[in-house]
């Protein structure tokens, strides 16, 4: 449930996007944490997707004039897609489109995401690709951060949500499609795949402002990275649907 200030912001941006889309407009939808249970006012981004029949350059020009102001209001740069993209990209971006399909709130127009048919085989391959790639990138950034505790803490906490999004997609491969909060995603994964992740759980609580950072960042990173290796192994052992 969004607070009153955020609802006002969402309504204003929706009105502006409707004017920009004009006759080409298909729908405007809220997605991500703002459409679920994990939204933290003043902290979480407000993610909005704009769907058009066809994207023309003037649409991008018009949106560009609003983006800086929207950012100040906590609104991320809108995701802009058209019908042909949604028809042809479901094999390339199944995880992202599944996330929007499972957790979105229609603000205007046709609920085009509800009708998407996404292959679980494609989803399985993308989960492994994303998990391995994100873990490689995390290690690379750790090396670049060096011995700077504040930057290491930020690196760790900023990465948690990325892996939980992948985890939610892995849960779908077990037939679990509920729109649930990140803590429930983690609990379900740990139970279904017999893979406890206590460090990830602690970091998530910090991310959700339910706990405070404590302990040695180097030790936390070491244990965190080891749990992520276990996460990747679970995906690797999943047979394609």
Protein backbone atom coordinates (compact mmCIF):
# COMPACT_ATOMS: atom_id res chain seq x y z
CA UNK A 1 0.00 0.00 0.00
CA UNK A 2 1.48 3.32 -1.07
CA UNK A 3 1.38 6.37 1.16
CA UNK A 4 -0.74 9.36 0.12
CA UNK A 5 2.21 11.40 -1.18
CA UNK A 6 3.41 8.57 -3.41
CA UNK A 7 -0.12 7.94 -4.71
CA UNK A 8 -0.35 11.62 -5.66
CA UNK A 9 2.99 11.40 -7.49
CA UNK A 10 1.93 8.24 -9.35
CA UNK A 11 -1.37 9.83 -10.41
CA UNK A 12 0.41 12.95 -11.71
CA UNK A 13 2.99 10.96 -13.69
CA UNK A 14 0.24 8.75 -15.13
CA UNK A 15 -1.61 11.81 -16.39
CA UNK A 16 1.57 13.10 -18.04
CA UNK A 17 2.31 9.74 -19.67
CA UNK A 18 -1.23 9.49 -21.00
CA UNK A 19 -0.80 12.87 -22.67
CA UNK A 20 2.56 11.82 -24.12
CA UNK A 21 1.25 8.48 -25.43
CA UNK A 22 -1.77 9.99 -27.11
CA UNK A 23 -3.36 7.76 -29.74
CA UNK A 24 -0.49 5.28 -29.51
CA UNK A 25 -1.07 4.59 -25.82
CA UNK A 26 -1.90 1.01 -24.80
CA UNK A 27 -1.36 1.08 -21.05
CA UNK A 28 0.45 2.56 -18.07
CA UNK A 29 1.30 0.28 -15.14
CA UNK A 30 3.11 0.39 -11.84
CA UNK A 31 5.50 -2.50 -11.20
CA UNK A 32 8.24 -3.55 -8.79
CA UNK A 33 8.15 -2.85 -5.06
CA UNK A 34 5.64 -0.01 -5.49
CA UNK A 35 3.12 -2.59 -6.72
CA UNK A 36 3.82 -5.01 -3.88
CA UNK A 37 4.60 -5.23 -0.19
CA UNK A 38 8.24 -4.11 -0.14
CA UNK A 39 7.85 -0.42 -0.93
CA UNK A 40 9.61 1.92 1.50
CA UNK A 41 8.52 5.59 1.04
CA UNK A 42 11.45 7.85 0.36
CA UNK A 43 13.77 4.89 -0.26
CA UNK A 44 12.26 2.62 -2.91
CA UNK A 45 12.04 3.68 -6.54
CA UNK A 46 8.64 4.14 -8.15
CA UNK A 47 8.78 1.99 -11.30
CA UNK A 48 6.33 2.66 -14.13
CA UNK A 49 6.04 0.99 -17.53
CA UNK A 50 4.55 2.72 -20.57
CA UNK A 51 3.22 0.50 -23.38
CA UNK A 52 2.60 1.98 -26.82
CA UNK A 53 1.36 0.50 -30.09
CA UNK A 54 4.52 1.87 -31.65
CA UNK A 55 7.33 3.95 -30.18
CA UNK A 56 8.05 7.12 -32.12
CA UNK A 57 10.93 9.50 -31.47
CA UNK A 58 8.70 12.30 -30.22
CA UNK A 59 7.56 10.04 -27.37
CA UNK A 60 11.15 9.79 -26.15
CA UNK A 61 11.70 13.53 -26.58
CA UNK A 62 8.61 14.33 -24.52
CA UNK A 63 9.51 11.91 -21.73
CA UNK A 64 13.02 13.33 -21.60
CA UNK A 65 11.67 16.75 -20.60
CA UNK A 66 10.04 15.24 -17.48
CA UNK A 67 12.66 12.75 -16.28
CA UNK A 68 14.77 15.05 -14.12
CA UNK A 69 11.73 16.25 -12.19
CA UNK A 70 10.40 12.70 -11.86
CA UNK A 71 13.72 11.55 -10.42
CA UNK A 72 13.45 14.21 -7.71
CA UNK A 73 10.04 12.73 -6.82
CA UNK A 74 11.46 9.20 -6.55
CA UNK A 75 10.16 8.03 -9.94
CA UNK A 76 12.63 5.97 -11.95
CA UNK A 77 12.97 6.56 -15.68
CA UNK A 78 9.92 4.78 -17.14
CA UNK A 79 10.30 1.51 -18.99
CA UNK A 80 9.05 2.20 -22.52
CA UNK A 81 7.96 -0.76 -24.67
CA UNK A 82 5.65 -1.42 -27.59
CA UNK A 83 3.43 -4.33 -28.60
CA UNK A 84 5.94 -5.88 -31.05
CA UNK A 85 8.59 -5.92 -28.30
CA UNK A 86 6.32 -7.78 -25.90
CA UNK A 87 5.46 -10.33 -28.59
CA UNK A 88 9.06 -11.05 -29.58
CA UNK A 89 11.09 -10.53 -26.38
CA UNK A 90 9.46 -13.05 -24.06
CA UNK A 91 12.18 -15.60 -24.87
CA UNK A 92 14.98 -13.11 -24.14
CA UNK A 93 13.60 -11.34 -21.05
CA UNK A 94 11.34 -13.95 -19.41
CA UNK A 95 12.45 -13.09 -15.88
CA UNK A 96 11.80 -9.36 -16.19
CA UNK A 97 8.46 -9.86 -17.94
CA UNK A 98 7.39 -12.51 -15.42
CA UNK A 99 8.16 -10.03 -12.62
CA UNK A 100 5.95 -7.40 -14.21
CA UNK A 101 3.22 -9.93 -15.01
CA UNK A 102 3.13 -11.26 -11.45
CA UNK A 103 3.43 -7.92 -9.67
CA UNK A 104 1.95 -4.91 -11.39
CA UNK A 105 -0.90 -2.50 -10.90
CA UNK A 106 -2.69 -1.18 -13.94
CA UNK A 107 -2.90 2.61 -13.87
CA UNK A 108 -4.55 3.12 -17.25
CA UNK A 109 -5.57 1.20 -20.37
CA UNK A 110 -5.29 -2.46 -21.33
CA UNK A 111 -3.77 -4.99 -18.93
CA UNK A 112 -1.47 -6.38 -21.60
CA UNK A 113 0.93 -8.04 -19.12
CA UNK A 114 -1.71 -10.34 -17.65
CA UNK A 115 -2.04 -12.08 -21.03
CA UNK A 116 1.68 -12.78 -21.58
CA UNK A 117 2.56 -16.46 -22.11
CA UNK A 118 6.15 -17.04 -20.98
CA UNK A 119 8.17 -20.26 -21.41
CA UNK A 120 9.62 -21.72 -18.22
CA UNK A 121 12.47 -23.23 -20.23
CA UNK A 122 13.57 -19.75 -21.23
CA UNK A 123 13.14 -18.63 -17.63
CA UNK A 124 15.41 -21.42 -16.34
CA UNK A 125 18.24 -20.45 -18.68
CA UNK A 126 17.99 -16.76 -17.86
CA UNK A 127 18.01 -17.45 -14.10
CA UNK A 128 21.32 -19.27 -14.37
CA UNK A 129 22.79 -16.65 -16.70
CA UNK A 130 21.76 -13.77 -14.42
CA UNK A 131 22.87 -15.45 -11.19
CA UNK A 132 26.30 -16.39 -12.51
CA UNK A 133 26.80 -13.01 -14.15
CA UNK A 134 25.76 -11.04 -11.07
CA UNK A 135 28.05 -13.10 -8.82
CA UNK A 136 30.99 -12.51 -11.17
CA UNK A 137 30.23 -8.79 -11.18
CA UNK A 138 29.93 -8.70 -7.37
CA UNK A 139 33.41 -10.20 -7.00
CA UNK A 140 34.80 -7.73 -9.52
CA UNK A 141 33.31 -4.76 -7.66
CA UNK A 142 34.63 -6.13 -4.35
CA UNK A 143 38.16 -6.05 -5.77
CA UNK A 144 37.64 -2.50 -7.04
CA UNK A 145 36.26 -1.26 -3.70
CA UNK A 146 39.44 -2.28 -1.87
CA UNK A 147 39.69 -1.66 1.87
CA UNK A 148 36.98 0.99 2.17
CA UNK A 149 34.38 -0.22 4.72
CA UNK A 150 31.59 2.21 3.79
CA UNK A 151 31.82 1.39 0.10
CA UNK A 152 31.94 -2.34 0.83
CA UNK A 153 28.81 -2.09 2.97
CA UNK A 154 27.00 -0.19 0.21
CA UNK A 155 28.12 -2.75 -2.38
CA UNK A 156 26.78 -5.66 -0.34
CA UNK A 157 23.43 -4.07 0.49
CA UNK A 158 22.87 -2.75 -3.03
CA UNK A 159 23.32 -6.25 -4.47
CA UNK A 160 20.85 -8.11 -2.23
CA UNK A 161 17.69 -7.18 -4.11
CA UNK A 162 19.24 -8.28 -7.42
CA UNK A 163 19.70 -11.85 -6.21
CA UNK A 164 16.26 -11.96 -4.58
CA UNK A 165 14.65 -11.03 -7.88
CA UNK A 166 16.41 -14.01 -9.47
CA UNK A 167 15.36 -16.14 -6.50
CA UNK A 168 11.71 -15.22 -7.06
CA UNK A 169 12.05 -16.43 -10.65
CA UNK A 170 13.60 -19.71 -9.48
CA UNK A 171 10.63 -20.22 -7.15
CA UNK A 172 8.37 -19.93 -10.20
CA UNK A 173 10.09 -22.96 -11.64
CA UNK A 174 8.59 -24.87 -8.70
CA UNK A 175 5.15 -23.59 -9.61
CA UNK A 176 5.11 -20.82 -6.99
CA UNK A 177 3.73 -17.67 -8.62
CA UNK A 178 2.40 -15.71 -5.65
CA UNK A 179 3.04 -11.98 -5.49
CA UNK A 180 4.99 -12.04 -2.23
CA UNK A 181 7.42 -9.85 -0.32
CA UNK A 182 11.15 -10.47 -0.54
CA UNK A 183 11.31 -12.06 2.91
CA UNK A 184 8.70 -14.61 1.83
CA UNK A 185 10.60 -15.21 -1.42
CA UNK A 186 13.71 -16.04 0.59
CA UNK A 187 11.84 -18.28 3.04
CA UNK A 188 10.16 -20.17 0.19
CA UNK A 189 13.42 -20.69 -1.69
CA UNK A 190 15.26 -21.91 1.42
CA UNK A 191 12.45 -24.36 2.20
CA UNK A 192 11.78 -25.64 -1.32
CA UNK A 193 15.43 -26.17 -2.24
CA UNK A 194 16.79 -27.02 1.23
CA UNK A 195 19.24 -24.14 0.97
CA UNK A 196 19.37 -21.96 4.12
CA UNK A 197 20.78 -18.47 3.51
CA UNK A 198 21.09 -16.77 6.92
CA UNK A 199 23.47 -14.03 5.78
CA UNK A 200 21.20 -13.07 2.88
CA UNK A 201 18.29 -13.01 5.34
CA UNK A 202 20.15 -10.68 7.71
CA UNK A 203 21.18 -8.37 4.88
CA UNK A 204 17.61 -8.23 3.62
CA UNK A 205 16.38 -7.16 7.04
CA UNK A 206 18.96 -4.36 7.00
CA UNK A 207 17.83 -3.37 3.50
CA UNK A 208 14.21 -3.24 4.70
CA UNK A 209 15.21 -1.10 7.70
CA UNK A 210 14.24 -3.90 10.11
CA UNK A 211 17.78 -4.38 11.39
CA UNK A 212 21.06 -2.47 11.58
CA UNK A 213 24.43 -3.18 10.04
CA UNK A 214 26.86 -4.73 12.48
CA UNK A 215 30.00 -6.82 12.26
CA UNK A 216 33.06 -6.91 10.04
CA UNK A 217 32.28 -6.12 6.41
CA UNK A 218 35.02 -8.40 5.09
CA UNK A 219 33.68 -11.39 7.01
CA UNK A 220 30.12 -10.59 5.96
CA UNK A 221 31.15 -10.39 2.30
CA UNK A 222 33.02 -13.70 2.49
CA UNK A 223 30.00 -15.51 3.97
CA UNK A 224 27.58 -13.70 1.65
CA UNK A 225 29.53 -14.70 -1.45
CA UNK A 226 29.65 -18.32 -0.26
CA UNK A 227 25.86 -18.38 0.16
CA UNK A 228 25.47 -16.96 -3.33
CA UNK A 229 27.65 -19.78 -4.66
CA UNK A 230 25.20 -22.21 -3.06
CA UNK A 231 22.33 -20.34 -4.72
CA UNK A 232 23.98 -20.69 -8.13
CA UNK A 233 24.56 -24.42 -7.56
CA UNK A 234 20.85 -24.91 -6.88
CA UNK A 235 19.97 -23.30 -10.22
CA UNK A 236 22.66 -25.28 -12.04
CA UNK A 237 21.15 -28.55 -10.79
CA UNK A 238 17.65 -27.70 -12.00
CA UNK A 239 16.73 -29.63 -15.10
CA UNK A 240 15.18 -27.47 -17.85
CA UNK A 241 11.37 -27.76 -17.78
